[in-house]
Amino acid sequence: MELQGKIKMIDDTKTYGNNGFRKRELVITTEEQYPQHILIEFVQDKTDLLNAYKVGQDVKVSINVRGREWVNPQGETKYFNSLQGWRIESLSPASSGGDMPPVPPADAFEPANDFNEEEHDDLPF
């Protein structure tokens, strides 16, 4: 499944237990008539996928729905669901390359007054 929305929150990576289980939470806000704030968990090596994203970005997140059963000490069975992310893509338009300087406006250039079309004809026909 996939969810689309704007990043509302990216939590820090948290480590649990002796085995070093890692989890990081992301909240996206859907853009529909009644926006929803959706919590998505990224676990283990997938926590690093969130490093390249910032709050406010529009994203598409691929998820798996997970469910589990738990019996409490009183013998009651409880059920829990979670959304586990495994891929995230930016939907925001790519920013202009960070290595390229901005292009100055057209009026910053001087017109070419010495151009003679007959002298610069380099077409092969």
PDB file of N, CA and C in Angstrom:
ATOM      1  N   MET A   1       0.840  -1.183   0.000  1.00  0.00           N
ATOM      2  CA  MET A   1       0.000   0.000   0.000  1.00  0.00           C
ATOM      3  C   MET A   1       0.883   1.243   0.000  1.00  0.00           C
ATOM      4  N   GLU A   2       0.277   2.352  -0.388  1.00  0.00           N
ATOM      5  CA  GLU A   2       1.000   3.621  -0.398  1.00  0.00           C
ATOM      6  C   GLU A   2       0.129   4.714   0.223  1.00  0.00           C
ATOM      7  N   LEU A   3       0.789   5.614   0.930  1.00  0.00           N
ATOM      8  CA  LEU A   3       0.132   6.784   1.506  1.00  0.00           C
ATOM      9  C   LEU A   3       0.863   8.024   1.022  1.00  0.00           C
ATOM     10  N   GLN A   4       0.104   9.096   0.762  1.00  0.00           N
ATOM     11  CA  GLN A   4       0.718  10.352   0.351  1.00  0.00           C
ATOM     12  C   GLN A   4       0.315  11.441   1.326  1.00  0.00           C
ATOM     13  N   GLY A   5       1.252  12.355   1.571  1.00  0.00           N
ATOM     14  CA  GLY A   5       0.947  13.473   2.450  1.00  0.00           C
ATOM     15  C   GLY A   5       2.173  14.321   2.693  1.00  0.00           C
ATOM     16  N   LYS A   6       2.010  15.269   3.610  1.00  0.00           N
ATOM     17  CA  LYS A   6       3.082  16.193   3.971  1.00  0.00           C
ATOM     18  C   LYS A   6       3.668  15.736   5.313  1.00  0.00           C
ATOM     19  N   ILE A   7       4.994  15.719   5.399  1.00  0.00           N
ATOM     20  CA  ILE A   7       5.648  15.292   6.644  1.00  0.00           C
ATOM     21  C   ILE A   7       5.335  16.289   7.748  1.00  0.00           C
ATOM     22  N   LYS A   8       4.754  15.806   8.828  1.00  0.00           N
ATOM     23  CA  LYS A   8       4.436  16.630   9.995  1.00  0.00           C
ATOM     24  C   LYS A   8       5.509  16.483  11.066  1.00  0.00           C
ATOM     25  N   MET A   9       6.067  15.264  11.215  1.00  0.00           N
ATOM     26  CA  MET A   9       7.036  15.009  12.265  1.00  0.00           C
ATOM     27  C   MET A   9       7.924  13.833  11.878  1.00  0.00           C
ATOM     28  N   ILE A  10       9.228  13.978  12.164  1.00  0.00           N
ATOM     29  CA  ILE A  10      10.166  12.865  12.031  1.00  0.00           C
ATOM     30  C   ILE A  10      10.853  12.725  13.381  1.00  0.00           C
ATOM     31  N   ASP A  11      10.674  11.592  14.017  1.00  0.00           N
ATOM     32  CA  ASP A  11      11.257  11.359  15.338  1.00  0.00           C
ATOM     33  C   ASP A  11      12.693  10.861  15.203  1.00  0.00           C
ATOM     34  N   ASP A  12      13.418  10.921  16.291  1.00  0.00           N
ATOM     35  CA  ASP A  12      14.777  10.374  16.324  1.00  0.00           C
ATOM     36  C   ASP A  12      14.712   8.851  16.344  1.00  0.00           C
ATOM     37  N   THR A  13      15.797   8.222  15.920  1.00  0.00           N
ATOM     38  CA  THR A  13      15.876   6.766  15.975  1.00  0.00           C
ATOM     39  C   THR A  13      16.031   6.343  17.429  1.00  0.00           C
ATOM     40  N   LYS A  14      15.235   5.356  17.840  1.00  0.00           N
ATOM     41  CA  LYS A  14      15.305   4.828  19.207  1.00  0.00           C
ATOM     42  C   LYS A  14      15.728   3.371  19.131  1.00  0.00           C
ATOM     43  N   THR A  15      16.557   2.954  20.081  1.00  0.00           N
ATOM     44  CA  THR A  15      17.053   1.579  20.131  1.00  0.00           C
ATOM     45  C   THR A  15      16.461   0.895  21.358  1.00  0.00           C
ATOM     46  N   TYR A  16      15.990  -0.346  21.179  1.00  0.00           N
ATOM     47  CA  TYR A  16      15.337  -1.098  22.248  1.00  0.00           C
ATOM     48  C   TYR A  16      16.014  -2.448  22.431  1.00  0.00           C
ATOM     49  N   GLY A  17      16.062  -2.919  23.695  1.00  0.00           N
ATOM     50  CA  GLY A  17      16.513  -4.271  24.008  1.00  0.00           C
ATOM     51  C   GLY A  17      17.993  -4.505  23.812  1.00  0.00           C
ATOM     52  N   ASN A  18      18.410  -5.712  24.172  1.00  0.00           N
ATOM     53  CA  ASN A  18      19.818  -6.109  24.074  1.00  0.00           C
ATOM     54  C   ASN A  18      20.265  -6.369  22.647  1.00  0.00           C
ATOM     55  N   ASN A  19      19.321  -6.666  21.755  1.00  0.00           N
ATOM     56  CA  ASN A  19      19.665  -6.969  20.365  1.00  0.00           C
ATOM     57  C   ASN A  19      19.814  -5.715  19.510  1.00  0.00           C
ATOM     58  N   GLY A  20      19.523  -4.533  20.062  1.00  0.00           N
ATOM     59  CA  GLY A  20      19.685  -3.296  19.313  1.00  0.00           C
ATOM     60  C   GLY A  20      18.591  -3.046  18.294  1.00  0.00           C
ATOM     61  N   PHE A  21      17.349  -3.463  18.582  1.00  0.00           N
ATOM     62  CA  PHE A  21      16.230  -3.210  17.676  1.00  0.00           C
ATOM     63  C   PHE A  21      16.047  -1.700  17.546  1.00  0.00           C
ATOM     64  N   ARG A  22      16.020  -1.197  16.283  1.00  0.00           N
ATOM     65  CA  ARG A  22      15.899   0.234  16.030  1.00  0.00           C
ATOM     66  C   ARG A  22      14.545   0.559  15.416  1.00  0.00           C
ATOM     67  N   LYS A  23      13.973   1.695  15.859  1.00  0.00           N
ATOM     68  CA  LYS A  23      12.679   2.133  15.342  1.00  0.00           C
ATOM     69  C   LYS A  23      12.686   3.657  15.248  1.00  0.00           C
ATOM     70  N   ARG A  24      12.060   4.169  14.177  1.00  0.00           N
ATOM     71  CA  ARG A  24      11.937   5.612  13.970  1.00  0.00           C
ATOM     72  C   ARG A  24      10.539   5.887  13.449  1.00  0.00           C
ATOM     73  N   GLU A  25       9.882   6.893  14.011  1.00  0.00           N
ATOM     74  CA  GLU A  25       8.505   7.182  13.640  1.00  0.00           C
ATOM     75  C   GLU A  25       8.414   8.437  12.777  1.00  0.00           C
ATOM     76  N   LEU A  26       7.486   8.383  11.842  1.00  0.00           N
ATOM     77  CA  LEU A  26       7.204   9.464  10.912  1.00  0.00           C
ATOM     78  C   LEU A  26       5.697   9.715  10.960  1.00  0.00           C
ATOM     79  N   VAL A  27       5.303  10.985  10.989  1.00  0.00           N
ATOM     80  CA  VAL A  27       3.882  11.322  10.898  1.00  0.00           C
ATOM     81  C   VAL A  27       3.688  12.131   9.626  1.00  0.00           C
ATOM     82  N   ILE A  28       2.750  11.678   8.786  1.00  0.00           N
ATOM     83  CA  ILE A  28       2.388  12.454   7.601  1.00  0.00           C
ATOM     84  C   ILE A  28       0.934  12.890   7.746  1.00  0.00           C
ATOM     85  N   THR A  29       0.638  14.047   7.177  1.00  0.00           N
ATOM     86  CA  THR A  29      -0.726  14.564   7.168  1.00  0.00           C
ATOM     87  C   THR A  29      -1.247  14.454   5.747  1.00  0.00           C
ATOM     88  N   THR A  30      -2.332  13.707   5.592  1.00  0.00           N
ATOM     89  CA  THR A  30      -2.910  13.523   4.260  1.00  0.00           C
ATOM     90  C   THR A  30      -3.544  14.833   3.810  1.00  0.00           C
ATOM     91  N   GLU A  31      -3.628  15.014   2.496  1.00  0.00           N
ATOM     92  CA  GLU A  31      -4.218  16.222   1.941  1.00  0.00           C
ATOM     93  C   GLU A  31      -5.526  15.848   1.265  1.00  0.00           C
ATOM     94  N   GLU A  32      -6.578  15.833   2.068  1.00  0.00           N
ATOM     95  CA  GLU A  32      -7.916  15.500   1.592  1.00  0.00           C
ATOM     96  C   GLU A  32      -8.914  16.363   2.352  1.00  0.00           C
ATOM     97  N   GLN A  33     -10.193  16.188   2.122  1.00  0.00           N
ATOM     98  CA  GLN A  33     -11.200  17.037   2.761  1.00  0.00           C
ATOM     99  C   GLN A  33     -11.060  17.003   4.283  1.00  0.00           C
ATOM    100  N   TYR A  34     -10.830  15.836   4.844  1.00  0.00           N
ATOM    101  CA  TYR A  34     -10.625  15.690   6.281  1.00  0.00           C
ATOM    102  C   TYR A  34      -9.222  15.108   6.492  1.00  0.00           C
ATOM    103  N   PRO A  35      -8.193  15.978   6.586  1.00  0.00           N
ATOM    104  CA  PRO A  35      -6.813  15.492   6.697  1.00  0.00           C
ATOM    105  C   PRO A  35      -6.633  14.584   7.911  1.00  0.00           C
ATOM    106  N   GLN A  36      -5.836  13.559   7.713  1.00  0.00           N
ATOM    107  CA  GLN A  36      -5.542  12.594   8.766  1.00  0.00           C
ATOM    108  C   GLN A  36      -4.042  12.655   9.087  1.00  0.00           C
ATOM    109  N   HIS A  37      -3.708  12.495  10.361  1.00  0.00           N
ATOM    110  CA  HIS A  37      -2.317  12.447  10.792  1.00  0.00           C
ATOM    111  C   HIS A  37      -1.980  10.969  10.990  1.00  0.00           C
ATOM    112  N   ILE A  38      -1.133  10.436  10.112  1.00  0.00           N
ATOM    113  CA  ILE A  38      -0.866   9.004  10.070  1.00  0.00           C
ATOM    114  C   ILE A  38       0.547   8.730  10.602  1.00  0.00           C
ATOM    115  N   LEU A  39       0.639   7.880  11.619  1.00  0.00           N
ATOM    116  CA  LEU A  39       1.920   7.463  12.194  1.00  0.00           C
ATOM    117  C   LEU A  39       2.421   6.233  11.442  1.00  0.00           C
ATOM    118  N   ILE A  40       3.653   6.317  10.952  1.00  0.00           N
ATOM    119  CA  ILE A  40       4.270   5.202  10.228  1.00  0.00           C
ATOM    120  C   ILE A  40       5.602   4.885  10.897  1.00  0.00           C
ATOM    121  N   GLU A  41       5.844   3.614  11.151  1.00  0.00           N
ATOM    122  CA  GLU A  41       7.089   3.176  11.784  1.00  0.00           C
ATOM    123  C   GLU A  41       8.070   2.678  10.732  1.00  0.00           C
ATOM    124  N   PHE A  42       9.324   3.054  10.881  1.00  0.00           N
ATOM    125  CA  PHE A  42      10.415   2.511  10.078  1.00  0.00           C
ATOM    126  C   PHE A  42      11.316   1.772  11.052  1.00  0.00           C
ATOM    127  N   VAL A  43      11.671   0.513  10.739  1.00  0.00           N
ATOM    128  CA  VAL A  43      12.451  -0.283  11.681  1.00  0.00           C
ATOM    129  C   VAL A  43      13.766  -0.764  11.065  1.00  0.00           C
ATOM    130  N   GLN A  44      14.703  -1.067  11.961  1.00  0.00           N
ATOM    131  CA  GLN A  44      16.028  -1.575  11.625  1.00  0.00           C
ATOM    132  C   GLN A  44      16.728  -0.700  10.586  1.00  0.00           C
ATOM    133  N   ASP A  45      17.200  -1.258   9.477  1.00  0.00           N
ATOM    134  CA  ASP A  45      17.961  -0.495   8.483  1.00  0.00           C
ATOM    135  C   ASP A  45      17.099   0.519   7.737  1.00  0.00           C
ATOM    136  N   LYS A  46      15.780   0.394   7.795  1.00  0.00           N
ATOM    137  CA  LYS A  46      14.885   1.337   7.111  1.00  0.00           C
ATOM    138  C   LYS A  46      14.812   2.688   7.840  1.00  0.00           C
ATOM    139  N   THR A  47      15.288   2.765   9.086  1.00  0.00           N
ATOM    140  CA  THR A  47      15.275   4.040   9.813  1.00  0.00           C
ATOM    141  C   THR A  47      16.132   5.082   9.097  1.00  0.00           C
ATOM    142  N   ASP A  48      17.183   4.647   8.419  1.00  0.00           N
ATOM    143  CA  ASP A  48      18.086   5.571   7.722  1.00  0.00           C
ATOM    144  C   ASP A  48      17.439   6.226   6.502  1.00  0.00           C
ATOM    145  N   LEU A  49      16.356   5.647   5.985  1.00  0.00           N
ATOM    146  CA  LEU A  49      15.680   6.235   4.824  1.00  0.00           C
ATOM    147  C   LEU A  49      15.164   7.641   5.123  1.00  0.00           C
ATOM    148  N   LEU A  50      14.877   7.920   6.386  1.00  0.00           N
ATOM    149  CA  LEU A  50      14.286   9.205   6.752  1.00  0.00           C
ATOM    150  C   LEU A  50      15.315  10.327   6.873  1.00  0.00           C
ATOM    151  N   ASN A  51      16.599   9.995   6.828  1.00  0.00           N
ATOM    152  CA  ASN A  51      17.646  11.008   6.984  1.00  0.00           C
ATOM    153  C   ASN A  51      17.588  12.088   5.919  1.00  0.00           C
ATOM    154  N   ALA A  52      17.123  11.766   4.736  1.00  0.00           N
ATOM    155  CA  ALA A  52      17.133  12.708   3.612  1.00  0.00           C
ATOM    156  C   ALA A  52      15.878  13.581   3.551  1.00  0.00           C
ATOM    157  N   TYR A  53      14.980  13.467   4.525  1.00  0.00           N
ATOM    158  CA  TYR A  53      13.707  14.179   4.470  1.00  0.00           C
ATOM    159  C   TYR A  53      13.567  15.161   5.619  1.00  0.00           C
ATOM    160  N   LYS A  54      12.716  16.187   5.387  1.00  0.00           N
ATOM    161  CA  LYS A  54      12.493  17.247   6.365  1.00  0.00           C
ATOM    162  C   LYS A  54      10.997  17.484   6.539  1.00  0.00           C
ATOM    163  N   VAL A  55      10.647  18.045   7.679  1.00  0.00           N
ATOM    164  CA  VAL A  55       9.263  18.409   7.952  1.00  0.00           C
ATOM    165  C   VAL A  55       8.792  19.383   6.878  1.00  0.00           C
ATOM    166  N   GLY A  56       7.583  19.162   6.378  1.00  0.00           N
ATOM    167  CA  GLY A  56       6.999  20.028   5.362  1.00  0.00           C
ATOM    168  C   GLY A  56       7.079  19.473   3.952  1.00  0.00           C
ATOM    169  N   GLN A  57       7.900  18.445   3.721  1.00  0.00           N
ATOM    170  CA  GLN A  57       8.014  17.868   2.383  1.00  0.00           C
ATOM    171  C   GLN A  57       6.805  17.012   2.062  1.00  0.00           C
ATOM    172  N   ASP A  58       6.395  17.030   0.784  1.00  0.00           N
ATOM    173  CA  ASP A  58       5.347  16.135   0.297  1.00  0.00           C
ATOM    174  C   ASP A  58       6.001  14.814  -0.089  1.00  0.00           C
ATOM    175  N   VAL A  59       5.452  13.711   0.418  1.00  0.00           N
ATOM    176  CA  VAL A  59       6.063  12.404   0.186  1.00  0.00           C
ATOM    177  C   VAL A  59       5.011  11.348  -0.124  1.00  0.00           C
ATOM    178  N   LYS A  60       5.503  10.262  -0.709  1.00  0.00           N
ATOM    179  CA  LYS A  60       4.718   9.044  -0.904  1.00  0.00           C
ATOM    180  C   LYS A  60       5.460   7.943  -0.154  1.00  0.00           C
ATOM    181  N   VAL A  61       4.755   7.265   0.750  1.00  0.00           N
ATOM    182  CA  VAL A  61       5.368   6.235   1.588  1.00  0.00           C
ATOM    183  C   VAL A  61       4.737   4.885   1.270  1.00  0.00           C
ATOM    184  N   SER A  62       5.587   3.891   0.982  1.00  0.00           N
ATOM    185  CA  SER A  62       5.113   2.519   0.785  1.00  0.00           C
ATOM    186  C   SER A  62       5.099   1.840   2.152  1.00  0.00           C
ATOM    187  N   ILE A  63       3.969   1.204   2.472  1.00  0.00           N
ATOM    188  CA  ILE A  63       3.801   0.625   3.810  1.00  0.00           C
ATOM    189  C   ILE A  63       3.303  -0.814   3.747  1.00  0.00           C
ATOM    190  N   ASN A  64       3.512  -1.515   4.841  1.00  0.00           N
ATOM    191  CA  ASN A  64       2.882  -2.801   5.103  1.00  0.00           C
ATOM    192  C   ASN A  64       2.062  -2.632   6.371  1.00  0.00           C
ATOM    193  N   VAL A  65       0.863  -3.230   6.404  1.00  0.00           N
ATOM    194  CA  VAL A  65       0.028  -3.212   7.597  1.00  0.00           C
ATOM    195  C   VAL A  65       0.393  -4.437   8.423  1.00  0.00           C
ATOM    196  N   ARG A  66       0.735  -4.202   9.690  1.00  0.00           N
ATOM    197  CA  ARG A  66       1.122  -5.291  10.593  1.00  0.00           C
ATOM    198  C   ARG A  66       0.101  -5.379  11.729  1.00  0.00           C
ATOM    199  N   GLY A  67      -0.223  -6.583  12.146  1.00  0.00           N
ATOM    200  CA  GLY A  67      -1.126  -6.801  13.270  1.00  0.00           C
ATOM    201  C   GLY A  67      -0.555  -7.848  14.205  1.00  0.00           C
ATOM    202  N   ARG A  68      -0.834  -7.679  15.508  1.00  0.00           N
ATOM    203  CA  ARG A  68      -0.344  -8.671  16.463  1.00  0.00           C
ATOM    204  C   ARG A  68      -1.350  -8.843  17.600  1.00  0.00           C
ATOM    205  N   GLU A  69      -1.230  -9.980  18.231  1.00  0.00           N
ATOM    206  CA  GLU A  69      -2.109 -10.352  19.334  1.00  0.00           C
ATOM    207  C   GLU A  69      -1.308 -10.338  20.630  1.00  0.00           C
ATOM    208  N   TRP A  70      -1.940  -9.863  21.722  1.00  0.00           N
ATOM    209  CA  TRP A  70      -1.275  -9.844  23.025  1.00  0.00           C
ATOM    210  C   TRP A  70      -2.283 -10.238  24.090  1.00  0.00           C
ATOM    211  N   VAL A  71      -1.892 -11.133  24.972  1.00  0.00           N
ATOM    212  CA  VAL A  71      -2.748 -11.545  26.081  1.00  0.00           C
ATOM    213  C   VAL A  71      -2.206 -10.890  27.342  1.00  0.00           C
ATOM    214  N   ASN A  72      -3.032 -10.071  27.999  1.00  0.00           N
ATOM    215  CA  ASN A  72      -2.586  -9.376  29.208  1.00  0.00           C
ATOM    216  C   ASN A  72      -2.583 -10.328  30.403  1.00  0.00           C
ATOM    217  N   PRO A  73      -2.028  -9.904  31.535  1.00  0.00           N
ATOM    218  CA  PRO A  73      -1.961 -10.789  32.715  1.00  0.00           C
ATOM    219  C   PRO A  73      -3.329 -11.264  33.213  1.00  0.00           C
ATOM    220  N   GLN A  74      -4.399 -10.557  32.898  1.00  0.00           N
ATOM    221  CA  GLN A  74      -5.740 -10.981  33.313  1.00  0.00           C
ATOM    222  C   GLN A  74      -6.346 -11.988  32.334  1.00  0.00           C
ATOM    223  N   GLY A  75      -5.613 -12.328  31.284  1.00  0.00           N
ATOM    224  CA  GLY A  75      -6.083 -13.304  30.315  1.00  0.00           C
ATOM    225  C   GLY A  75      -6.889 -12.721  29.168  1.00  0.00           C
ATOM    226  N   GLU A  76      -7.025 -11.400  29.108  1.00  0.00           N
ATOM    227  CA  GLU A  76      -7.760 -10.768  28.022  1.00  0.00           C
ATOM    228  C   GLU A  76      -6.854 -10.644  26.796  1.00  0.00           C
ATOM    229  N   THR A  77      -7.418 -10.957  25.638  1.00  0.00           N
ATOM    230  CA  THR A  77      -6.667 -10.856  24.394  1.00  0.00           C
ATOM    231  C   THR A  77      -6.898  -9.478  23.785  1.00  0.00           C
ATOM    232  N   LYS A  78      -5.803  -8.826  23.423  1.00  0.00           N
ATOM    233  CA  LYS A  78      -5.853  -7.510  22.788  1.00  0.00           C
ATOM    234  C   LYS A  78      -5.172  -7.613  21.425  1.00  0.00           C
ATOM    235  N   TYR A  79      -5.615  -6.763  20.504  1.00  0.00           N
ATOM    236  CA  TYR A  79      -5.043  -6.746  19.161  1.00  0.00           C
ATOM    237  C   TYR A  79      -4.524  -5.343  18.853  1.00  0.00           C
ATOM    238  N   PHE A  80      -3.375  -5.282  18.193  1.00  0.00           N
ATOM    239  CA  PHE A  80      -2.740  -4.021  17.841  1.00  0.00           C
ATOM    240  C   PHE A  80      -2.368  -4.029  16.366  1.00  0.00           C
ATOM    241  N   ASN A  81      -2.476  -2.875  15.744  1.00  0.00           N
ATOM    242  CA  ASN A  81      -2.083  -2.704  14.349  1.00  0.00           C
ATOM    243  C   ASN A  81      -0.996  -1.644  14.256  1.00  0.00           C
ATOM    244  N   SER A  82      -0.145  -1.773  13.255  1.00  0.00           N
ATOM    245  CA  SER A  82       0.847  -0.737  12.988  1.00  0.00           C
ATOM    246  C   SER A  82       1.079  -0.649  11.489  1.00  0.00           C
ATOM    247  N   LEU A  83       1.540   0.513  11.064  1.00  0.00           N
ATOM    248  CA  LEU A  83       1.899   0.737   9.666  1.00  0.00           C
ATOM    249  C   LEU A  83       3.416   0.811   9.612  1.00  0.00           C
ATOM    250  N   GLN A  84       4.002  -0.092   8.833  1.00  0.00           N
ATOM    251  CA  GLN A  84       5.463  -0.174   8.765  1.00  0.00           C
ATOM    252  C   GLN A  84       5.934   0.280   7.385  1.00  0.00           C
ATOM    253  N   GLY A  85       6.713   1.356   7.360  1.00  0.00           N
ATOM    254  CA  GLY A  85       7.215   1.895   6.108  1.00  0.00           C
ATOM    255  C   GLY A  85       8.441   1.141   5.626  1.00  0.00           C
ATOM    256  N   TRP A  86       8.556   1.003   4.309  1.00  0.00           N
ATOM    257  CA  TRP A  86       9.733   0.343   3.744  1.00  0.00           C
ATOM    258  C   TRP A  86      10.324   1.124   2.569  1.00  0.00           C
ATOM    259  N   ARG A  87       9.618   2.174   2.113  1.00  0.00           N
ATOM    260  CA  ARG A  87      10.153   3.044   1.069  1.00  0.00           C
ATOM    261  C   ARG A  87       9.487   4.407   1.208  1.00  0.00           C
ATOM    262  N   ILE A  88      10.254   5.469   0.874  1.00  0.00           N
ATOM    263  CA  ILE A  88       9.709   6.823   0.912  1.00  0.00           C
ATOM    264  C   ILE A  88      10.266   7.584  -0.286  1.00  0.00           C
ATOM    265  N   GLU A  89       9.387   8.335  -0.955  1.00  0.00           N
ATOM    266  CA  GLU A  89       9.776   9.108  -2.140  1.00  0.00           C
ATOM    267  C   GLU A  89       9.271  10.530  -1.989  1.00  0.00           C
ATOM    268  N   SER A  90      10.071  11.483  -2.423  1.00  0.00           N
ATOM    269  CA  SER A  90       9.667  12.882  -2.398  1.00  0.00           C
ATOM    270  C   SER A  90       8.724  13.166  -3.556  1.00  0.00           C
ATOM    271  N   LEU A  91       7.655  13.899  -3.285  1.00  0.00           N
ATOM    272  CA  LEU A  91       6.735  14.332  -4.335  1.00  0.00           C
ATOM    273  C   LEU A  91       6.954  15.796  -4.665  1.00  0.00           C
ATOM    274  N   SER A  92       7.812  16.472  -3.894  1.00  0.00           N
ATOM    275  CA  SER A  92       8.121  17.880  -4.136  1.00  0.00           C
ATOM    276  C   SER A  92       8.964  17.983  -5.392  1.00  0.00           C
ATOM    277  N   PRO A  93       8.771  19.036  -6.172  1.00  0.00           N
ATOM    278  CA  PRO A  93       9.620  19.195  -7.360  1.00  0.00           C
ATOM    279  C   PRO A  93      11.079  19.309  -6.935  1.00  0.00           C
ATOM    280  N   ALA A  94      11.943  18.701  -7.719  1.00  0.00           N
ATOM    281  CA  ALA A  94      13.372  18.714  -7.392  1.00  0.00           C
ATOM    282  C   ALA A  94      13.865  20.153  -7.412  1.00  0.00           C
ATOM    283  N   SER A  95      14.633  20.484  -6.386  1.00  0.00           N
ATOM    284  CA  SER A  95      15.183  21.835  -6.336  1.00  0.00           C
ATOM    285  C   SER A  95      16.289  21.946  -7.363  1.00  0.00           C
ATOM    286  N   SER A  96      16.548  23.176  -7.793  1.00  0.00           N
ATOM    287  CA  SER A  96      17.608  23.353  -8.785  1.00  0.00           C
ATOM    288  C   SER A  96      18.906  22.861  -8.196  1.00  0.00           C
ATOM    289  N   GLY A  97      19.737  22.269  -9.017  1.00  0.00           N
ATOM    290  CA  GLY A  97      20.971  21.632  -8.567  1.00  0.00           C
ATOM    291  C   GLY A  97      21.770  22.524  -7.641  1.00  0.00           C
ATOM    292  N   GLY A  98      22.195  21.995  -6.523  1.00  0.00           N
ATOM    293  CA  GLY A  98      22.946  22.758  -5.553  1.00  0.00           C
ATOM    294  C   GLY A  98      24.306  23.173  -6.062  1.00  0.00           C
ATOM    295  N   ASP A  99      24.831  22.497  -7.081  1.00  0.00           N
ATOM    296  CA  ASP A  99      26.148  22.824  -7.602  1.00  0.00           C
ATOM    297  C   ASP A  99      26.091  23.951  -8.631  1.00  0.00           C
ATOM    298  N   MET A 100      24.918  24.242  -9.160  1.00  0.00           N
ATOM    299  CA  MET A 100      24.822  25.249 -10.216  1.00  0.00           C
ATOM    300  C   MET A 100      24.387  26.584  -9.623  1.00  0.00           C
ATOM    301  N   PRO A 101      25.061  27.672 -10.009  1.00  0.00           N
ATOM    302  CA  PRO A 101      24.640  28.985  -9.521  1.00  0.00           C
ATOM    303  C   PRO A 101      23.334  29.395 -10.184  1.00  0.00           C
ATOM    304  N   PRO A 102      22.603  30.327  -9.584  1.00  0.00           N
ATOM    305  CA  PRO A 102      21.351  30.768 -10.208  1.00  0.00           C
ATOM    306  C   PRO A 102      21.633  31.516 -11.511  1.00  0.00           C
ATOM    307  N   VAL A 103      20.730  31.428 -12.459  1.00  0.00           N
ATOM    308  CA  VAL A 103      20.881  32.099 -13.750  1.00  0.00           C
ATOM    309  C   VAL A 103      20.432  33.548 -13.595  1.00  0.00           C
ATOM    310  N   PRO A 104      21.264  34.496 -14.014  1.00  0.00           N
ATOM    311  CA  PRO A 104      20.854  35.902 -13.897  1.00  0.00           C
ATOM    312  C   PRO A 104      19.724  36.213 -14.869  1.00  0.00           C
ATOM    313  N   PRO A 105      18.951  37.274 -14.606  1.00  0.00           N
ATOM    314  CA  PRO A 105      17.849  37.622 -15.506  1.00  0.00           C
ATOM    315  C   PRO A 105      18.368  38.044 -16.871  1.00  0.00           C
ATOM    316  N   ALA A 106      17.503  37.944 -17.889  1.00  0.00           N
ATOM    317  CA  ALA A 106      17.904  38.221 -19.275  1.00  0.00           C
ATOM    318  C   ALA A 106      18.413  39.642 -19.463  1.00  0.00           C
ATOM    319  N   ASP A 107      17.878  40.603 -18.712  1.00  0.00           N
ATOM    320  CA  ASP A 107      18.319  41.993 -18.900  1.00  0.00           C
ATOM    321  C   ASP A 107      19.709  42.256 -18.316  1.00  0.00           C
ATOM    322  N   ALA A 108      20.310  41.265 -17.688  1.00  0.00           N
ATOM    323  CA  ALA A 108      21.670  41.423 -17.162  1.00  0.00           C
ATOM    324  C   ALA A 108      22.709  41.210 -18.257  1.00  0.00           C
ATOM    325  N   PHE A 109      22.305  40.718 -19.415  1.00  0.00           N
ATOM    326  CA  PHE A 109      23.224  40.450 -20.512  1.00  0.00           C
ATOM    327  C   PHE A 109      23.184  41.601 -21.525  1.00  0.00           C
ATOM    328  N   GLU A 110      24.345  41.907 -22.093  1.00  0.00           N
ATOM    329  CA  GLU A 110      24.407  42.929 -23.134  1.00  0.00           C
ATOM    330  C   GLU A 110      24.007  42.300 -24.464  1.00  0.00           C
ATOM    331  N   PRO A 111      23.284  43.043 -25.313  1.00  0.00           N
ATOM    332  CA  PRO A 111      22.909  42.487 -26.613  1.00  0.00           C
ATOM    333  C   PRO A 111      24.136  42.369 -27.524  1.00  0.00           C
ATOM    334  N   ALA A 112      24.117  41.384 -28.411  1.00  0.00           N
ATOM    335  CA  ALA A 112      25.214  41.195 -29.364  1.00  0.00           C
ATOM    336  C   ALA A 112      24.945  42.080 -30.568  1.00  0.00           C
ATOM    337  N   ASN A 113      25.655  43.211 -30.636  1.00  0.00           N
ATOM    338  CA  ASN A 113      25.438  44.172 -31.721  1.00  0.00           C
ATOM    339  C   ASN A 113      26.285  43.880 -32.951  1.00  0.00           C
ATOM    340  N   ASP A 114      27.361  43.124 -32.809  1.00  0.00           N
ATOM    341  CA  ASP A 114      28.283  42.902 -33.918  1.00  0.00           C
ATOM    342  C   ASP A 114      28.013  41.600 -34.659  1.00  0.00           C
ATOM    343  N   PHE A 115      26.859  41.023 -34.457  1.00  0.00           N
ATOM    344  CA  PHE A 115      26.542  39.732 -35.063  1.00  0.00           C
ATOM    345  C   PHE A 115      26.056  39.939 -36.497  1.00  0.00           C
ATOM    346  N   ASN A 116      26.742  39.301 -37.457  1.00  0.00           N
ATOM    347  CA  ASN A 116      26.347  39.358 -38.861  1.00  0.00           C
ATOM    348  C   ASN A 116      25.954  37.947 -39.268  1.00  0.00           C
ATOM    349  N   GLU A 117      24.690  37.752 -39.597  1.00  0.00           N
ATOM    350  CA  GLU A 117      24.168  36.410 -39.877  1.00  0.00           C
ATOM    351  C   GLU A 117      24.872  35.749 -41.041  1.00  0.00           C
ATOM    352  N   GLU A 118      25.254  36.472 -42.050  1.00  0.00           N
ATOM    353  CA  GLU A 118      25.909  35.879 -43.215  1.00  0.00           C
ATOM    354  C   GLU A 118      27.284  35.334 -42.883  1.00  0.00           C
ATOM    355  N   GLU A 119      28.013  35.965 -41.996  1.00  0.00           N
ATOM    356  CA  GLU A 119      29.366  35.527 -41.635  1.00  0.00           C
ATOM    357  C   GLU A 119      29.333  34.304 -40.714  1.00  0.00           C
ATOM    358  N   HIS A 120      28.249  34.097 -39.988  1.00  0.00           N
ATOM    359  CA  HIS A 120      28.199  33.015 -39.009  1.00  0.00           C
ATOM    360  C   HIS A 120      27.328  31.868 -39.463  1.00  0.00           C
ATOM    361  N   ASP A 121      27.191  31.669 -40.739  1.00  0.00           N
ATOM    362  CA  ASP A 121      26.371  30.588 -41.251  1.00  0.00           C
ATOM    363  C   ASP A 121      27.180  29.284 -41.213  1.00  0.00           C
ATOM    364  N   ASP A 122      26.948  28.462 -40.186  1.00  0.00           N
ATOM    365  CA  ASP A 122      27.698  27.220 -40.081  1.00  0.00           C
ATOM    366  C   ASP A 122      26.831  25.992 -40.345  1.00  0.00           C
ATOM    367  N   LEU A 123      25.677  26.186 -40.932  1.00  0.00           N
ATOM    368  CA  LEU A 123      24.817  25.055 -41.261  1.00  0.00           C
ATOM    369  C   LEU A 123      25.372  24.308 -42.481  1.00  0.00           C
ATOM    370  N   PRO A 124      25.282  22.987 -42.508  1.00  0.00           N
ATOM    371  CA  PRO A 124      25.872  22.210 -43.579  1.00  0.00           C
ATOM    372  C   PRO A 124      25.085  22.215 -44.893  1.00  0.00           C
ATOM    373  N   PHE A 125      24.018  22.933 -45.019  1.00  0.00           N
ATOM    374  CA  PHE A 125      23.261  22.940 -46.275  1.00  0.00           C
ATOM    375  C   PHE A 125      22.969  24.343 -46.737  1.00  0.00           C
TER     376      PHE A 125
END
